[in-house]
Amino acid sequence: MGVAGARSAVGIPVIGYLGPESPERFASRVAAFREGLADAGYVEGMNVAIEFRWADGQYSRLPALAADLANRQVSLIAAPGGAPMALAAKAASNAIPVVFEMGGDPIALGVG
C-alpha cells in the first residue's frame, strides 16, 4: 500500500471505511469496494484490513466516526457517499489520505 499508518495485529495496513448508512443498505458498494481492492492485489484478511464505521443515516455522527478512525491511525479513509463523508474524513486528520467519490466539484464543495 505504501502509505504509513495503522497496521492490524498481523501487521497489514488498515483501511477505515466511513459509511453514511448501514452495512445492509451499502452491501453492493462494500462488495464493489472489496472487489476493487482485490483487483489491485489487496484481499481483506490477507494483506489488508478494513475497519467499518456506519452512521446509520445519522449524518451528525460522521465527525465522531471519522475521528475514531483517525485516532486508530488507519492508513487511509474511504469515504463513499458524497461530500458529507469526505468532509468529515478530511476534518478528522490532515495526515490520513481520504479516498472519496462524489458527483459535484470537490474544490467548490471544500473537499479538495
C-alpha atoms as a PDB file:
ATOM      1  CA  MET A   1       0.000   0.000   0.000  1.00  0.00           C
ATOM      2  CA  GLY A   2       2.934   2.315   0.625  1.00  0.00           C
ATOM      3  CA  VAL A   3       1.037   4.616   2.999  1.00  0.00           C
ATOM      4  CA  ALA A   4       2.204   4.905   6.591  1.00  0.00           C
ATOM      5  CA  GLY A   5      -0.498   4.315   9.129  1.00  0.00           C
ATOM      6  CA  ALA A   6      -2.292   1.723  11.154  1.00  0.00           C
ATOM      7  CA  ARG A   7      -1.328  -1.893  10.990  1.00  0.00           C
ATOM      8  CA  SER A   8      -3.567  -4.655  12.207  1.00  0.00           C
ATOM      9  CA  ALA A   9      -2.472  -7.178  14.797  1.00  0.00           C
ATOM     10  CA  VAL A  10      -0.943  -9.221  11.976  1.00  0.00           C
ATOM     11  CA  GLY A  11       0.963  -6.247  10.536  1.00  0.00           C
ATOM     12  CA  ILE A  12      -1.132  -5.405   7.487  1.00  0.00           C
ATOM     13  CA  PRO A  13      -2.393  -1.914   6.516  1.00  0.00           C
ATOM     14  CA  VAL A  14      -5.810  -0.889   7.812  1.00  0.00           C
ATOM     15  CA  ILE A  15      -8.338   0.995   5.699  1.00  0.00           C
ATOM     16  CA  GLY A  16     -11.011   2.979   7.502  1.00  0.00           C
ATOM     17  CA  TYR A  17     -14.391   2.889   5.754  1.00  0.00           C
ATOM     18  CA  LEU A  18     -16.807   5.678   6.709  1.00  0.00           C
ATOM     19  CA  GLY A  19     -20.325   4.700   5.656  1.00  0.00           C
ATOM     20  CA  PRO A  20     -23.327   7.038   5.699  1.00  0.00           C
ATOM     21  CA  GLU A  21     -25.967   4.353   6.102  1.00  0.00           C
ATOM     22  CA  SER A  22     -25.971   0.765   7.410  1.00  0.00           C
ATOM     23  CA  PRO A  23     -23.961  -2.208   6.140  1.00  0.00           C
ATOM     24  CA  GLU A  24     -27.151  -3.710   4.712  1.00  0.00           C
ATOM     25  CA  ARG A  25     -28.002  -0.606   2.656  1.00  0.00           C
ATOM     26  CA  PHE A  26     -24.419  -0.353   1.385  1.00  0.00           C
ATOM     27  CA  ALA A  27     -23.869  -4.071   0.747  1.00  0.00           C
ATOM     28  CA  SER A  28     -23.431  -3.681  -3.016  1.00  0.00           C
ATOM     29  CA  ARG A  29     -20.977  -0.796  -2.575  1.00  0.00           C
ATOM     30  CA  VAL A  30     -18.976  -2.707   0.017  1.00  0.00           C
ATOM     31  CA  ALA A  31     -18.860  -5.726  -2.306  1.00  0.00           C
ATOM     32  CA  ALA A  32     -17.636  -3.497  -5.148  1.00  0.00           C
ATOM     33  CA  PHE A  33     -15.080  -1.888  -2.823  1.00  0.00           C
ATOM     34  CA  ARG A  34     -13.709  -5.283  -1.808  1.00  0.00           C
ATOM     35  CA  GLU A  35     -13.674  -6.374  -5.461  1.00  0.00           C
ATOM     36  CA  GLY A  36     -11.743  -3.255  -6.455  1.00  0.00           C
ATOM     37  CA  LEU A  37      -9.231  -3.862  -3.688  1.00  0.00           C
ATOM     38  CA  ALA A  38      -8.835  -7.471  -4.825  1.00  0.00           C
ATOM     39  CA  ASP A  39      -8.313  -6.320  -8.416  1.00  0.00           C
ATOM     40  CA  ALA A  40      -5.453  -4.165  -7.085  1.00  0.00           C
ATOM     41  CA  GLY A  41      -4.000  -7.135  -5.186  1.00  0.00           C
ATOM     42  CA  TYR A  42      -5.427  -6.389  -1.710  1.00  0.00           C
ATOM     43  CA  VAL A  43      -7.548  -9.080  -0.085  1.00  0.00           C
ATOM     44  CA  GLU A  44      -9.225  -8.351   3.222  1.00  0.00           C
ATOM     45  CA  GLY A  45      -7.797 -10.546   5.948  1.00  0.00           C
ATOM     46  CA  MET A  46      -4.740 -11.475   3.897  1.00  0.00           C
ATOM     47  CA  ASN A  47      -2.817  -8.281   3.154  1.00  0.00           C
ATOM     48  CA  VAL A  48      -5.236  -5.520   4.194  1.00  0.00           C
ATOM     49  CA  ALA A  49      -7.780  -4.995   6.981  1.00  0.00           C
ATOM     50  CA  ILE A  50     -10.883  -2.805   6.850  1.00  0.00           C
ATOM     51  CA  GLU A  51     -12.421  -1.036   9.846  1.00  0.00           C
ATOM     52  CA  PHE A  52     -16.009  -0.021   9.160  1.00  0.00           C
ATOM     53  CA  ARG A  53     -17.867   2.834  10.832  1.00  0.00           C
ATOM     54  CA  TRP A  54     -21.539   3.286   9.968  1.00  0.00           C
ATOM     55  CA  ALA A  55     -23.625   6.431  10.567  1.00  0.00           C
ATOM     56  CA  ASP A  56     -26.942   4.588  10.075  1.00  0.00           C
ATOM     57  CA  GLY A  57     -28.330   7.635   8.282  1.00  0.00           C
ATOM     58  CA  GLN A  58     -27.454   9.956  11.177  1.00  0.00           C
ATOM     59  CA  TYR A  59     -25.055  12.327   9.483  1.00  0.00           C
ATOM     60  CA  SER A  60     -24.451  14.172  12.746  1.00  0.00           C
ATOM     61  CA  ARG A  61     -22.466  11.086  13.817  1.00  0.00           C
ATOM     62  CA  LEU A  62     -19.989  11.374  10.926  1.00  0.00           C
ATOM     63  CA  PRO A  63     -17.426  13.650  12.656  1.00  0.00           C
ATOM     64  CA  ALA A  64     -17.151  11.325  15.664  1.00  0.00           C
ATOM     65  CA  LEU A  65     -16.949   8.223  13.485  1.00  0.00           C
ATOM     66  CA  ALA A  66     -14.259   9.798  11.296  1.00  0.00           C
ATOM     67  CA  ALA A  67     -12.357  10.944  14.390  1.00  0.00           C
ATOM     68  CA  ASP A  68     -12.462   7.394  15.747  1.00  0.00           C
ATOM     69  CA  LEU A  69     -10.886   6.108  12.528  1.00  0.00           C
ATOM     70  CA  ALA A  70      -8.262   8.869  12.637  1.00  0.00           C
ATOM     71  CA  ASN A  71      -7.471   8.084  16.287  1.00  0.00           C
ATOM     72  CA  ARG A  72      -6.840   4.490  15.227  1.00  0.00           C
ATOM     73  CA  GLN A  73      -4.349   5.911  12.705  1.00  0.00           C
ATOM     74  CA  VAL A  74      -5.723   3.978   9.748  1.00  0.00           C
ATOM     75  CA  SER A  75      -3.655   4.050   6.574  1.00  0.00           C
ATOM     76  CA  LEU A  76      -6.424   5.817   4.658  1.00  0.00           C
ATOM     77  CA  ILE A  77     -10.123   6.570   4.938  1.00  0.00           C
ATOM     78  CA  ALA A  78     -12.549   5.513   2.219  1.00  0.00           C
ATOM     79  CA  ALA A  79     -15.490   7.909   2.298  1.00  0.00           C
ATOM     80  CA  PRO A  80     -18.155   6.890  -0.245  1.00  0.00           C
ATOM     81  CA  GLY A  81     -21.496   8.610  -0.395  1.00  0.00           C
ATOM     82  CA  GLY A  82     -20.707  12.206  -1.235  1.00  0.00           C
ATOM     83  CA  ALA A  83     -19.492  15.409   0.352  1.00  0.00           C
ATOM     84  CA  PRO A  84     -20.646  14.834   3.959  1.00  0.00           C
ATOM     85  CA  MET A  85     -18.473  11.712   4.314  1.00  0.00           C
ATOM     86  CA  ALA A  86     -15.486  13.280   2.554  1.00  0.00           C
ATOM     87  CA  LEU A  87     -15.700  16.472   4.629  1.00  0.00           C
ATOM     88  CA  ALA A  88     -15.958  14.543   7.901  1.00  0.00           C
ATOM     89  CA  ALA A  89     -12.972  12.379   6.967  1.00  0.00           C
ATOM     90  CA  LYS A  90     -10.945  15.392   5.852  1.00  0.00           C
ATOM     91  CA  ALA A  91     -11.707  17.252   9.087  1.00  0.00           C
ATOM     92  CA  ALA A  92     -10.634  14.268  11.195  1.00  0.00           C
ATOM     93  CA  SER A  93      -6.993  14.355  10.068  1.00  0.00           C
ATOM     94  CA  ASN A  94      -4.663  16.272   7.802  1.00  0.00           C
ATOM     95  CA  ALA A  95      -2.255  13.326   7.716  1.00  0.00           C
ATOM     96  CA  ILE A  96      -4.529  10.491   6.587  1.00  0.00           C
ATOM     97  CA  PRO A  97      -5.374  10.304   2.869  1.00  0.00           C
ATOM     98  CA  VAL A  98      -9.086  10.307   2.036  1.00  0.00           C
ATOM     99  CA  VAL A  99     -10.485   8.431  -0.956  1.00  0.00           C
ATOM    100  CA  PHE A 100     -13.965   9.645  -1.920  1.00  0.00           C
ATOM    101  CA  GLU A 101     -16.475   9.785  -4.737  1.00  0.00           C
ATOM    102  CA  MET A 102     -18.994  12.481  -5.470  1.00  0.00           C
ATOM    103  CA  GLY A 103     -20.894  13.996  -8.330  1.00  0.00           C
ATOM    104  CA  GLY A 104     -20.016  17.631  -7.643  1.00  0.00           C
ATOM    105  CA  ASP A 105     -16.829  19.655  -7.826  1.00  0.00           C
ATOM    106  CA  PRO A 106     -14.692  18.679  -4.801  1.00  0.00           C
ATOM    107  CA  ILE A 107     -12.882  22.045  -4.790  1.00  0.00           C
ATOM    108  CA  ALA A 108     -16.139  24.021  -4.806  1.00  0.00           C
ATOM    109  CA  LEU A 109     -17.526  21.779  -2.050  1.00  0.00           C
ATOM    110  CA  GLY A 110     -14.430  22.323   0.121  1.00  0.00           C
ATOM    111  CA  VAL A 111     -13.139  18.772  -0.088  1.00  0.00           C
ATOM    112  CA  GLY A 112     -10.176  19.169  -2.421  1.00  0.00           C
END
